[in-house]
N, C-alpha and C. Protein backbone atom coordinates (compact mmCIF):
# COMPACT_ATOMS: atom_id res chain seq x y z
N MET A 1 -75.46 174.56 208.22
CA MET A 1 -75.52 173.12 208.36
C MET A 1 -76.69 172.75 209.23
N SER A 2 -77.21 171.60 209.03
CA SER A 2 -78.36 171.11 209.78
C SER A 2 -78.01 170.97 211.26
N ASP A 3 -79.03 171.13 212.11
CA ASP A 3 -78.84 170.93 213.54
C ASP A 3 -78.84 169.45 213.91
N THR A 4 -79.26 168.59 212.99
CA THR A 4 -79.29 167.16 213.25
C THR A 4 -77.88 166.61 213.25
N LYS A 5 -77.50 165.99 214.35
CA LYS A 5 -76.14 165.47 214.51
C LYS A 5 -75.87 164.35 213.51
N TYR A 6 -74.67 164.38 212.94
CA TYR A 6 -74.24 163.32 212.03
C TYR A 6 -74.07 162.04 212.84
N PHE A 7 -74.72 160.96 212.42
CA PHE A 7 -74.69 159.73 213.21
C PHE A 7 -74.36 158.49 212.40
N LEU A 8 -74.24 158.61 211.09
CA LEU A 8 -74.07 157.41 210.27
C LEU A 8 -72.76 156.69 210.62
N PRO A 9 -72.80 155.37 210.68
CA PRO A 9 -71.58 154.62 210.98
C PRO A 9 -70.60 154.71 209.81
N HIS A 10 -69.32 154.55 210.12
CA HIS A 10 -68.32 154.50 209.05
C HIS A 10 -68.62 153.30 208.17
N LEU A 11 -68.29 153.43 206.89
CA LEU A 11 -68.41 152.30 205.98
C LEU A 11 -67.24 151.35 206.23
N ARG A 12 -67.44 150.10 205.94
CA ARG A 12 -66.38 149.09 206.07
C ARG A 12 -66.11 148.53 204.69
N ARG A 13 -64.82 148.47 204.31
CA ARG A 13 -64.44 147.95 203.00
C ARG A 13 -63.56 146.72 203.19
N ILE A 14 -64.00 145.60 202.64
CA ILE A 14 -63.23 144.36 202.67
C ILE A 14 -62.80 144.07 201.24
N VAL A 15 -61.52 143.83 201.04
CA VAL A 15 -60.97 143.55 199.70
C VAL A 15 -60.41 142.14 199.70
N THR A 16 -60.79 141.36 198.70
CA THR A 16 -60.24 140.01 198.55
C THR A 16 -59.15 140.00 197.49
N SER A 17 -58.31 138.98 197.55
CA SER A 17 -57.24 138.83 196.57
C SER A 17 -56.86 137.35 196.53
N HIS A 18 -55.62 137.07 196.17
CA HIS A 18 -55.13 135.69 196.09
C HIS A 18 -53.76 135.59 196.74
N ASP A 19 -53.49 134.44 197.32
CA ASP A 19 -52.14 134.21 197.84
C ASP A 19 -51.27 133.63 196.72
N ALA A 20 -50.05 133.29 197.04
CA ALA A 20 -49.10 132.80 196.03
C ALA A 20 -49.55 131.50 195.38
N ARG A 21 -50.41 130.72 196.05
CA ARG A 21 -50.91 129.45 195.49
C ARG A 21 -52.17 129.65 194.66
N GLY A 22 -52.71 130.87 194.65
CA GLY A 22 -53.94 131.13 193.90
C GLY A 22 -55.20 130.98 194.71
N SER A 23 -55.07 130.74 196.02
CA SER A 23 -56.24 130.63 196.89
C SER A 23 -56.74 132.02 197.27
N SER A 24 -58.05 132.16 197.40
CA SER A 24 -58.60 133.46 197.77
C SER A 24 -58.29 133.79 199.23
N VAL A 25 -58.02 135.07 199.48
CA VAL A 25 -57.71 135.56 200.82
C VAL A 25 -58.35 136.94 200.99
N VAL A 26 -58.52 137.34 202.25
CA VAL A 26 -58.93 138.71 202.54
C VAL A 26 -57.66 139.55 202.56
N GLN A 27 -57.57 140.51 201.67
CA GLN A 27 -56.38 141.35 201.56
C GLN A 27 -56.41 142.50 202.55
N SER A 28 -57.59 143.10 202.75
CA SER A 28 -57.69 144.19 203.72
C SER A 28 -59.11 144.30 204.22
N ASP A 29 -59.25 144.90 205.40
CA ASP A 29 -60.54 145.11 206.04
C ASP A 29 -60.41 146.41 206.82
N VAL A 30 -60.95 147.50 206.27
CA VAL A 30 -60.76 148.83 206.87
C VAL A 30 -62.06 149.62 206.93
N GLU A 31 -62.08 150.61 207.80
CA GLU A 31 -63.18 151.57 207.84
C GLU A 31 -62.88 152.70 206.88
N ILE A 32 -63.92 153.20 206.23
CA ILE A 32 -63.81 154.35 205.34
C ILE A 32 -64.48 155.52 206.05
N ILE A 33 -63.74 156.58 206.26
CA ILE A 33 -64.26 157.75 206.99
C ILE A 33 -64.55 158.86 205.99
N SER A 34 -65.78 159.34 205.99
CA SER A 34 -66.15 160.41 205.06
C SER A 34 -65.64 161.76 205.55
N GLU A 35 -65.51 162.68 204.61
CA GLU A 35 -65.02 164.03 204.89
C GLU A 35 -66.08 165.04 204.48
N THR A 36 -66.06 166.22 205.07
CA THR A 36 -67.02 167.27 204.76
C THR A 36 -66.88 167.72 203.31
N MET A 37 -68.02 167.87 202.61
CA MET A 37 -68.02 168.38 201.24
C MET A 37 -68.05 169.90 201.27
N GLN A 38 -67.47 170.51 200.24
CA GLN A 38 -67.46 171.96 200.16
C GLN A 38 -68.67 172.52 199.44
N ILE A 39 -69.33 171.75 198.57
CA ILE A 39 -70.40 172.31 197.75
C ILE A 39 -71.80 172.07 198.30
N ALA A 40 -71.95 171.30 199.35
CA ALA A 40 -73.27 171.02 199.91
C ALA A 40 -73.11 170.66 201.38
N GLN A 41 -74.20 170.69 202.11
CA GLN A 41 -74.17 170.30 203.51
C GLN A 41 -74.17 168.78 203.58
N GLY A 42 -72.98 168.23 203.52
CA GLY A 42 -72.89 166.78 203.53
C GLY A 42 -71.46 166.31 203.66
N ARG A 43 -71.29 165.03 203.44
CA ARG A 43 -69.99 164.38 203.57
C ARG A 43 -69.83 163.42 202.39
N ALA A 44 -68.58 163.08 202.05
CA ALA A 44 -68.33 162.15 200.95
C ALA A 44 -67.02 161.41 201.20
N ALA A 45 -66.91 160.24 200.61
CA ALA A 45 -65.68 159.45 200.68
C ALA A 45 -65.60 158.56 199.46
N SER A 46 -64.38 158.37 198.98
CA SER A 46 -64.19 157.37 197.95
C SER A 46 -64.02 156.03 198.66
N ILE A 47 -64.70 155.03 198.16
CA ILE A 47 -64.67 153.72 198.80
C ILE A 47 -63.60 152.84 198.17
N TRP A 48 -63.43 153.00 196.86
CA TRP A 48 -62.49 152.14 196.15
C TRP A 48 -61.59 152.98 195.28
N ILE A 49 -60.48 152.41 194.95
CA ILE A 49 -59.48 153.05 194.12
C ILE A 49 -60.10 153.47 192.80
N THR A 50 -59.84 154.66 192.40
CA THR A 50 -60.30 155.15 191.11
C THR A 50 -59.43 154.52 190.03
N THR A 51 -60.04 153.77 189.14
CA THR A 51 -59.26 153.13 188.08
C THR A 51 -59.07 154.09 186.93
N ASP A 52 -57.97 153.90 186.19
CA ASP A 52 -57.64 154.75 185.05
C ASP A 52 -58.30 154.29 183.77
N SER A 53 -58.67 153.02 183.70
CA SER A 53 -59.25 152.52 182.46
C SER A 53 -60.02 151.24 182.74
N VAL A 54 -60.81 150.84 181.77
CA VAL A 54 -61.57 149.60 181.84
C VAL A 54 -61.24 148.80 180.60
N PRO A 55 -60.93 147.50 180.66
CA PRO A 55 -60.93 146.74 181.90
C PRO A 55 -59.74 147.09 182.78
N THR A 56 -59.92 146.91 184.07
CA THR A 56 -58.86 147.13 185.03
C THR A 56 -58.14 145.80 185.27
N SER A 57 -57.15 145.79 186.11
CA SER A 57 -56.39 144.57 186.37
C SER A 57 -56.65 144.08 187.79
N ASP A 58 -56.87 142.79 187.93
CA ASP A 58 -56.99 142.18 189.25
C ASP A 58 -55.66 141.60 189.71
N ASN A 59 -54.59 141.88 188.99
CA ASN A 59 -53.28 141.32 189.33
C ASN A 59 -52.47 142.21 190.26
N ASN A 60 -53.04 143.30 190.71
CA ASN A 60 -52.32 144.20 191.61
C ASN A 60 -52.31 143.61 193.02
N LYS A 61 -51.17 143.71 193.67
CA LYS A 61 -51.00 143.08 194.98
C LYS A 61 -51.01 144.08 196.13
N GLU A 62 -50.57 145.29 195.89
CA GLU A 62 -50.42 146.26 196.97
C GLU A 62 -51.50 147.33 196.90
N TYR A 63 -52.18 147.52 198.00
CA TYR A 63 -53.14 148.61 198.13
C TYR A 63 -52.87 149.32 199.44
N PRO A 64 -53.14 150.59 199.52
CA PRO A 64 -53.00 151.28 200.79
C PRO A 64 -54.04 150.76 201.78
N SER A 65 -53.80 150.95 203.07
CA SER A 65 -54.74 150.45 204.06
C SER A 65 -56.08 151.16 203.97
N SER A 66 -56.10 152.36 203.46
CA SER A 66 -57.36 153.08 203.30
C SER A 66 -57.29 153.95 202.06
N ALA A 67 -58.30 153.87 201.21
CA ALA A 67 -58.31 154.65 199.96
C ALA A 67 -59.28 155.81 200.09
N ILE A 68 -59.09 156.61 201.12
CA ILE A 68 -59.97 157.75 201.33
C ILE A 68 -59.61 158.84 200.34
N ILE A 69 -60.60 159.43 199.73
CA ILE A 69 -60.37 160.61 198.91
C ILE A 69 -60.87 161.79 199.71
N VAL A 70 -59.99 162.71 200.03
CA VAL A 70 -60.37 163.89 200.79
C VAL A 70 -60.92 164.92 199.82
N GLN A 71 -62.19 165.23 199.95
CA GLN A 71 -62.89 166.20 199.11
C GLN A 71 -62.63 165.95 197.63
N CYS A 72 -62.61 164.68 197.25
CA CYS A 72 -62.53 164.26 195.84
C CYS A 72 -61.23 164.66 195.16
N LEU A 73 -60.17 164.93 195.88
CA LEU A 73 -58.95 165.43 195.25
C LEU A 73 -57.89 164.37 195.03
N MET A 74 -57.81 163.37 195.87
CA MET A 74 -56.71 162.43 195.77
C MET A 74 -57.22 161.01 195.70
N SER A 75 -56.58 160.19 194.90
CA SER A 75 -56.93 158.79 194.83
C SER A 75 -55.64 157.98 194.87
N PHE A 76 -55.75 156.70 194.71
CA PHE A 76 -54.60 155.82 194.68
C PHE A 76 -54.64 155.04 193.38
N SER A 77 -53.48 154.86 192.76
CA SER A 77 -53.45 154.09 191.53
C SER A 77 -53.54 152.61 191.87
N GLU A 78 -53.74 151.82 190.84
CA GLU A 78 -53.95 150.40 191.08
C GLU A 78 -52.73 149.69 191.64
N ASP A 79 -51.56 150.32 191.54
CA ASP A 79 -50.38 149.70 192.13
C ASP A 79 -50.17 150.16 193.56
N GLY A 80 -51.14 150.92 194.10
CA GLY A 80 -51.05 151.37 195.48
C GLY A 80 -50.46 152.75 195.63
N GLY A 81 -49.96 153.35 194.54
CA GLY A 81 -49.36 154.67 194.63
C GLY A 81 -50.41 155.77 194.60
N LYS A 82 -50.15 156.83 195.35
CA LYS A 82 -51.09 157.95 195.35
C LYS A 82 -51.02 158.69 194.03
N ARG A 83 -52.16 159.24 193.62
CA ARG A 83 -52.18 160.12 192.45
C ARG A 83 -53.35 161.07 192.59
N VAL A 84 -53.28 162.16 191.89
CA VAL A 84 -54.34 163.16 191.89
C VAL A 84 -55.09 163.04 190.58
N ILE A 85 -56.42 163.08 190.63
CA ILE A 85 -57.20 163.11 189.40
C ILE A 85 -57.09 164.53 188.87
N GLU A 86 -56.28 164.71 187.84
CA GLU A 86 -56.00 166.05 187.32
C GLU A 86 -57.12 166.60 186.47
N ASP A 87 -57.91 165.73 185.87
CA ASP A 87 -58.94 166.18 184.94
C ASP A 87 -60.05 166.90 185.70
N LEU A 88 -60.14 168.21 185.50
CA LEU A 88 -61.14 169.01 186.20
C LEU A 88 -62.51 168.93 185.56
N SER A 89 -62.59 168.38 184.35
CA SER A 89 -63.85 168.41 183.61
C SER A 89 -64.97 167.65 184.32
N ASN A 90 -64.64 166.69 185.14
CA ASN A 90 -65.65 165.95 185.89
C ASN A 90 -65.52 166.24 187.38
N PHE A 91 -65.03 167.43 187.73
CA PHE A 91 -64.92 167.87 189.12
C PHE A 91 -64.10 166.92 189.97
N LYS A 92 -63.14 166.26 189.33
CA LYS A 92 -62.25 165.30 190.00
C LYS A 92 -63.01 164.14 190.64
N LEU A 93 -64.17 163.82 190.08
CA LEU A 93 -64.96 162.70 190.60
C LEU A 93 -64.66 161.38 189.90
N VAL A 94 -64.26 161.45 188.64
CA VAL A 94 -63.96 160.22 187.90
C VAL A 94 -62.90 160.53 186.86
N HIS A 95 -61.94 159.63 186.72
CA HIS A 95 -60.90 159.75 185.69
C HIS A 95 -61.59 159.69 184.33
N PRO A 96 -61.11 160.45 183.32
CA PRO A 96 -61.80 160.51 182.03
C PRO A 96 -62.00 159.16 181.34
N THR A 97 -61.23 158.14 181.70
CA THR A 97 -61.42 156.81 181.10
C THR A 97 -61.60 155.74 182.18
N GLY A 98 -61.94 156.15 183.39
CA GLY A 98 -61.96 155.19 184.49
C GLY A 98 -63.26 155.13 185.26
N THR A 99 -63.14 154.68 186.51
CA THR A 99 -64.29 154.47 187.38
C THR A 99 -63.99 154.98 188.78
N ASN A 100 -65.04 155.15 189.56
CA ASN A 100 -64.89 155.51 190.96
C ASN A 100 -66.10 154.97 191.72
N LEU A 101 -65.87 154.47 192.92
CA LEU A 101 -66.93 154.03 193.81
C LEU A 101 -66.89 154.94 195.02
N ARG A 102 -68.01 155.66 195.28
CA ARG A 102 -67.99 156.64 196.36
C ARG A 102 -69.27 156.60 197.17
N SER A 103 -69.18 157.16 198.35
CA SER A 103 -70.31 157.32 199.24
C SER A 103 -70.58 158.81 199.39
N THR A 104 -71.86 159.18 199.41
CA THR A 104 -72.23 160.57 199.66
C THR A 104 -73.29 160.58 200.75
N GLU A 105 -73.18 161.55 201.65
CA GLU A 105 -74.12 161.69 202.75
C GLU A 105 -74.62 163.13 202.76
N LEU A 106 -75.93 163.31 202.83
CA LEU A 106 -76.53 164.64 202.77
C LEU A 106 -77.31 164.91 204.05
N ALA A 107 -77.05 166.08 204.64
CA ALA A 107 -77.69 166.46 205.90
C ALA A 107 -79.20 166.67 205.72
N PRO A 108 -79.96 166.55 206.79
CA PRO A 108 -81.39 166.80 206.72
C PRO A 108 -81.68 168.20 206.17
N GLY A 109 -82.58 168.27 205.19
CA GLY A 109 -82.95 169.55 204.60
C GLY A 109 -81.96 170.11 203.60
N ALA A 110 -80.80 169.49 203.45
CA ALA A 110 -79.76 170.02 202.55
C ALA A 110 -80.08 169.71 201.09
N ILE A 111 -79.52 170.52 200.22
CA ILE A 111 -79.71 170.35 198.78
C ILE A 111 -78.39 170.64 198.08
N THR A 112 -78.08 169.86 197.04
CA THR A 112 -76.87 170.11 196.25
C THR A 112 -77.20 171.09 195.13
N PRO A 113 -76.18 171.74 194.57
CA PRO A 113 -76.43 172.53 193.36
C PRO A 113 -76.75 171.60 192.19
N MET A 114 -77.40 172.12 191.17
CA MET A 114 -77.59 171.36 189.93
C MET A 114 -76.20 171.06 189.37
N HIS A 115 -76.01 169.85 188.85
CA HIS A 115 -74.71 169.48 188.30
C HIS A 115 -74.86 168.32 187.33
N ARG A 116 -73.81 168.13 186.51
CA ARG A 116 -73.75 166.98 185.62
C ARG A 116 -72.28 166.65 185.40
N THR A 117 -71.99 165.37 185.23
CA THR A 117 -70.66 164.90 184.85
C THR A 117 -70.79 164.07 183.59
N SER A 118 -69.68 163.91 182.88
CA SER A 118 -69.66 163.00 181.72
C SER A 118 -69.37 161.61 182.25
N SER A 119 -70.39 161.01 182.81
CA SER A 119 -70.25 159.67 183.38
C SER A 119 -71.62 159.01 183.45
N LEU A 120 -71.58 157.69 183.53
CA LEU A 120 -72.77 156.89 183.80
C LEU A 120 -72.69 156.58 185.29
N ASP A 121 -73.70 156.99 186.05
CA ASP A 121 -73.66 156.85 187.50
C ASP A 121 -74.77 155.92 187.97
N TYR A 122 -74.39 154.91 188.76
CA TYR A 122 -75.35 154.03 189.42
C TYR A 122 -75.42 154.47 190.88
N ASN A 123 -76.52 155.10 191.27
CA ASN A 123 -76.73 155.62 192.63
C ASN A 123 -77.66 154.68 193.38
N ILE A 124 -77.23 154.18 194.53
CA ILE A 124 -78.02 153.23 195.31
C ILE A 124 -78.23 153.80 196.71
N LEU A 125 -79.48 154.04 197.08
CA LEU A 125 -79.80 154.57 198.40
C LEU A 125 -79.53 153.50 199.46
N ILE A 126 -78.79 153.89 200.49
CA ILE A 126 -78.46 152.97 201.58
C ILE A 126 -79.32 153.27 202.81
N SER A 127 -79.44 154.56 203.14
CA SER A 127 -80.27 154.93 204.30
C SER A 127 -80.80 156.35 204.12
N GLY A 128 -81.90 156.64 204.79
CA GLY A 128 -82.51 157.96 204.70
C GLY A 128 -83.39 158.09 203.46
N GLU A 129 -83.63 159.34 203.07
CA GLU A 129 -84.46 159.64 201.91
C GLU A 129 -83.80 160.71 201.07
N LEU A 130 -84.07 160.69 199.78
CA LEU A 130 -83.58 161.71 198.85
C LEU A 130 -84.68 162.08 197.88
N VAL A 131 -84.56 163.28 197.33
CA VAL A 131 -85.39 163.68 196.21
C VAL A 131 -84.44 164.02 195.08
N LEU A 132 -84.62 163.36 193.94
CA LEU A 132 -83.88 163.65 192.72
C LEU A 132 -84.63 164.77 192.00
N ILE A 133 -83.92 165.84 191.64
CA ILE A 133 -84.53 166.98 190.95
C ILE A 133 -83.86 167.13 189.60
N THR A 134 -84.66 167.21 188.52
CA THR A 134 -84.11 167.42 187.18
C THR A 134 -84.47 168.82 186.69
N GLU A 135 -83.82 169.24 185.60
CA GLU A 135 -83.99 170.60 185.09
C GLU A 135 -85.42 170.95 184.72
N ASP A 136 -86.21 169.96 184.33
CA ASP A 136 -87.59 170.25 183.95
C ASP A 136 -88.51 170.42 185.16
N GLY A 137 -87.93 170.36 186.36
CA GLY A 137 -88.71 170.54 187.58
C GLY A 137 -89.25 169.26 188.17
N ALA A 138 -89.04 168.14 187.48
CA ALA A 138 -89.51 166.85 188.01
C ALA A 138 -88.77 166.52 189.30
N GLU A 139 -89.49 165.92 190.23
CA GLU A 139 -88.91 165.46 191.48
C GLU A 139 -89.33 164.02 191.71
N LYS A 140 -88.35 163.17 191.99
CA LYS A 140 -88.61 161.77 192.29
C LYS A 140 -88.14 161.48 193.70
N HIS A 141 -89.07 161.01 194.54
CA HIS A 141 -88.76 160.73 195.94
C HIS A 141 -88.18 159.32 196.03
N ILE A 142 -86.96 159.23 196.51
CA ILE A 142 -86.28 157.95 196.68
C ILE A 142 -86.26 157.69 198.18
N LYS A 143 -86.97 156.65 198.64
CA LYS A 143 -87.13 156.50 200.08
C LYS A 143 -86.89 155.10 200.62
N ASN A 144 -86.67 154.13 199.76
CA ASN A 144 -86.45 152.77 200.23
C ASN A 144 -85.00 152.36 200.04
N PRO A 145 -84.34 151.86 201.10
CA PRO A 145 -82.98 151.37 200.91
C PRO A 145 -82.94 150.38 199.75
N GLY A 146 -81.99 150.57 198.86
CA GLY A 146 -81.90 149.73 197.67
C GLY A 146 -82.48 150.38 196.44
N ASP A 147 -83.26 151.48 196.59
CA ASP A 147 -83.73 152.21 195.42
C ASP A 147 -82.53 152.69 194.62
N ILE A 148 -82.65 152.66 193.29
CA ILE A 148 -81.52 152.96 192.40
C ILE A 148 -81.91 154.07 191.43
N VAL A 149 -81.01 155.03 191.25
CA VAL A 149 -81.15 156.07 190.23
C VAL A 149 -79.96 155.94 189.30
N ILE A 150 -80.23 155.80 188.01
CA ILE A 150 -79.17 155.73 187.01
C ILE A 150 -79.11 157.07 186.29
N GLN A 151 -77.98 157.76 186.46
CA GLN A 151 -77.77 159.07 185.86
C GLN A 151 -76.97 158.89 184.58
N LYS A 152 -77.47 159.41 183.48
CA LYS A 152 -76.78 159.30 182.19
C LYS A 152 -76.41 160.70 181.71
N GLY A 153 -75.51 161.36 182.44
CA GLY A 153 -75.02 162.67 182.05
C GLY A 153 -76.06 163.77 182.13
N ALA A 154 -77.11 163.57 182.92
CA ALA A 154 -78.20 164.55 183.01
C ALA A 154 -77.94 165.54 184.14
N MET A 155 -78.32 166.80 183.92
CA MET A 155 -78.25 167.82 184.96
C MET A 155 -79.25 167.44 186.06
N HIS A 156 -78.80 167.49 187.32
CA HIS A 156 -79.66 167.08 188.42
C HIS A 156 -79.16 167.67 189.74
N ALA A 157 -80.00 167.58 190.73
CA ALA A 157 -79.63 167.95 192.10
C ALA A 157 -80.25 166.92 193.03
N TRP A 158 -79.73 166.88 194.26
CA TRP A 158 -80.26 166.00 195.29
C TRP A 158 -80.73 166.85 196.47
N ARG A 159 -81.85 166.47 197.06
CA ARG A 159 -82.35 167.15 198.26
C ARG A 159 -82.73 166.08 199.28
N ASN A 160 -82.39 166.34 200.53
CA ASN A 160 -82.78 165.44 201.61
C ASN A 160 -84.03 166.03 202.28
N PRO A 161 -85.21 165.42 202.06
CA PRO A 161 -86.45 165.97 202.59
C PRO A 161 -86.74 165.58 204.04
N SER A 162 -85.91 164.74 204.61
CA SER A 162 -86.22 164.16 205.92
C SER A 162 -85.48 164.87 207.05
N GLN A 163 -85.67 164.37 208.25
CA GLN A 163 -85.01 164.90 209.45
C GLN A 163 -83.78 164.06 209.82
N GLU A 164 -83.43 163.10 208.97
CA GLU A 164 -82.28 162.23 209.20
C GLU A 164 -81.28 162.37 208.05
N TRP A 165 -80.04 162.01 208.31
CA TRP A 165 -79.03 162.01 207.26
C TRP A 165 -79.38 160.96 206.20
N ALA A 166 -79.03 161.24 204.95
CA ALA A 166 -79.21 160.28 203.85
C ALA A 166 -77.83 159.83 203.37
N ARG A 167 -77.72 158.56 203.01
CA ARG A 167 -76.46 158.03 202.46
C ARG A 167 -76.78 157.24 201.21
N TRP A 168 -75.97 157.48 200.16
CA TRP A 168 -76.09 156.67 198.96
C TRP A 168 -74.71 156.35 198.43
N ILE A 169 -74.63 155.24 197.72
CA ILE A 169 -73.39 154.76 197.11
C ILE A 169 -73.52 154.99 195.61
N THR A 170 -72.43 155.47 195.00
CA THR A 170 -72.43 155.73 193.56
C THR A 170 -71.25 155.05 192.90
N VAL A 171 -71.51 154.34 191.81
CA VAL A 171 -70.47 153.86 190.92
C VAL A 171 -70.47 154.81 189.73
N LEU A 172 -69.36 155.52 189.52
CA LEU A 172 -69.22 156.44 188.39
C LEU A 172 -68.34 155.79 187.33
N ILE A 173 -68.83 155.74 186.11
CA ILE A 173 -68.08 155.18 184.99
C ILE A 173 -67.95 156.28 183.94
N ALA A 174 -66.73 156.60 183.57
CA ALA A 174 -66.51 157.66 182.58
C ALA A 174 -67.30 157.38 181.32
N ALA A 175 -67.84 158.45 180.72
CA ALA A 175 -68.64 158.32 179.51
C ALA A 175 -68.37 159.50 178.59
N ASP A 176 -68.65 159.31 177.31
CA ASP A 176 -68.61 160.44 176.39
C ASP A 176 -69.77 161.37 176.74
N PRO A 177 -69.59 162.68 176.55
CA PRO A 177 -70.68 163.61 176.86
C PRO A 177 -71.91 163.33 176.00
N VAL A 178 -73.08 163.62 176.57
CA VAL A 178 -74.34 163.54 175.83
C VAL A 178 -74.29 164.58 174.72
N ILE A 179 -74.82 164.23 173.54
CA ILE A 179 -74.90 165.18 172.42
C ILE A 179 -76.36 165.34 172.03
N ILE A 180 -76.83 166.59 172.05
CA ILE A 180 -78.20 166.93 171.65
C ILE A 180 -78.09 167.98 170.54
N ASP A 181 -78.68 167.71 169.38
CA ASP A 181 -78.61 168.64 168.24
C ASP A 181 -77.18 169.10 167.97
N GLU A 182 -76.25 168.14 167.96
CA GLU A 182 -74.84 168.38 167.66
C GLU A 182 -74.12 169.22 168.71
N LYS A 183 -74.74 169.44 169.86
CA LYS A 183 -74.11 170.18 170.95
C LYS A 183 -73.78 169.23 172.09
N LYS A 184 -72.49 169.24 172.53
CA LYS A 184 -72.08 168.42 173.65
C LYS A 184 -72.55 169.06 174.95
N LEU A 185 -73.16 168.25 175.80
CA LEU A 185 -73.56 168.70 177.13
C LEU A 185 -72.42 168.35 178.09
N LEU A 186 -71.54 169.30 178.29
CA LEU A 186 -70.33 169.09 179.08
C LEU A 186 -70.62 169.12 180.57
N PRO A 187 -69.68 168.58 181.38
CA PRO A 187 -69.85 168.65 182.83
C PRO A 187 -70.08 170.09 183.27
N GLU A 188 -70.94 170.23 184.26
CA GLU A 188 -71.34 171.57 184.68
C GLU A 188 -71.82 171.52 186.12
N ILE A 189 -71.48 172.53 186.86
CA ILE A 189 -72.08 172.71 188.18
C ILE A 189 -72.77 174.05 188.13
N GLY A 190 -74.06 174.03 188.36
CA GLY A 190 -74.85 175.21 188.08
C GLY A 190 -75.46 175.85 189.29
N HIS A 191 -76.59 176.39 189.04
CA HIS A 191 -77.33 177.17 190.02
C HIS A 191 -77.90 176.29 191.13
N ASN A 192 -78.23 176.94 192.21
CA ASN A 192 -78.94 176.24 193.28
C ASN A 192 -80.38 176.04 192.86
N VAL A 193 -80.99 175.02 193.38
CA VAL A 193 -82.38 174.70 193.05
C VAL A 193 -83.31 175.56 193.88
């Protein structure tokens, strides 16, 4: 692990809803605490409830005070009940027909293994710097907060080239696997870069 101390502030999640009269209200306001990842020198947390399908329902009234996913294993259903994402094909990151909103933090100098999921991912850099690495050896330096990388089921890795922690937010939406020459490119976690 990097010698640079983890310093990023906890994320704050505010959820709105409606009262019995239909007026908007703040339903919850909590801190989201990230947990250590097992596959890279970093931390991750689920920010929002992993939905089972799209469209989802805004008619749910009960949510847990915190929807932390510990190492991507547990989520909460839309009715507030805990559930485990059983589908291993996407490394328990997204339900096969649903969505997930998560935060990932990568230590200075750290790199993830090459990987792909069957999902459409909107990655938004919040702080620090990242390098996106693709199988063809291309590297794209992402260095401005708000920079966006859209992953469409492509094999990739992330590297933090800086001396500070990097944080990005990802919206994962389940997708059919990419098909090239009649071959499905299934979720995969591969070699180190």
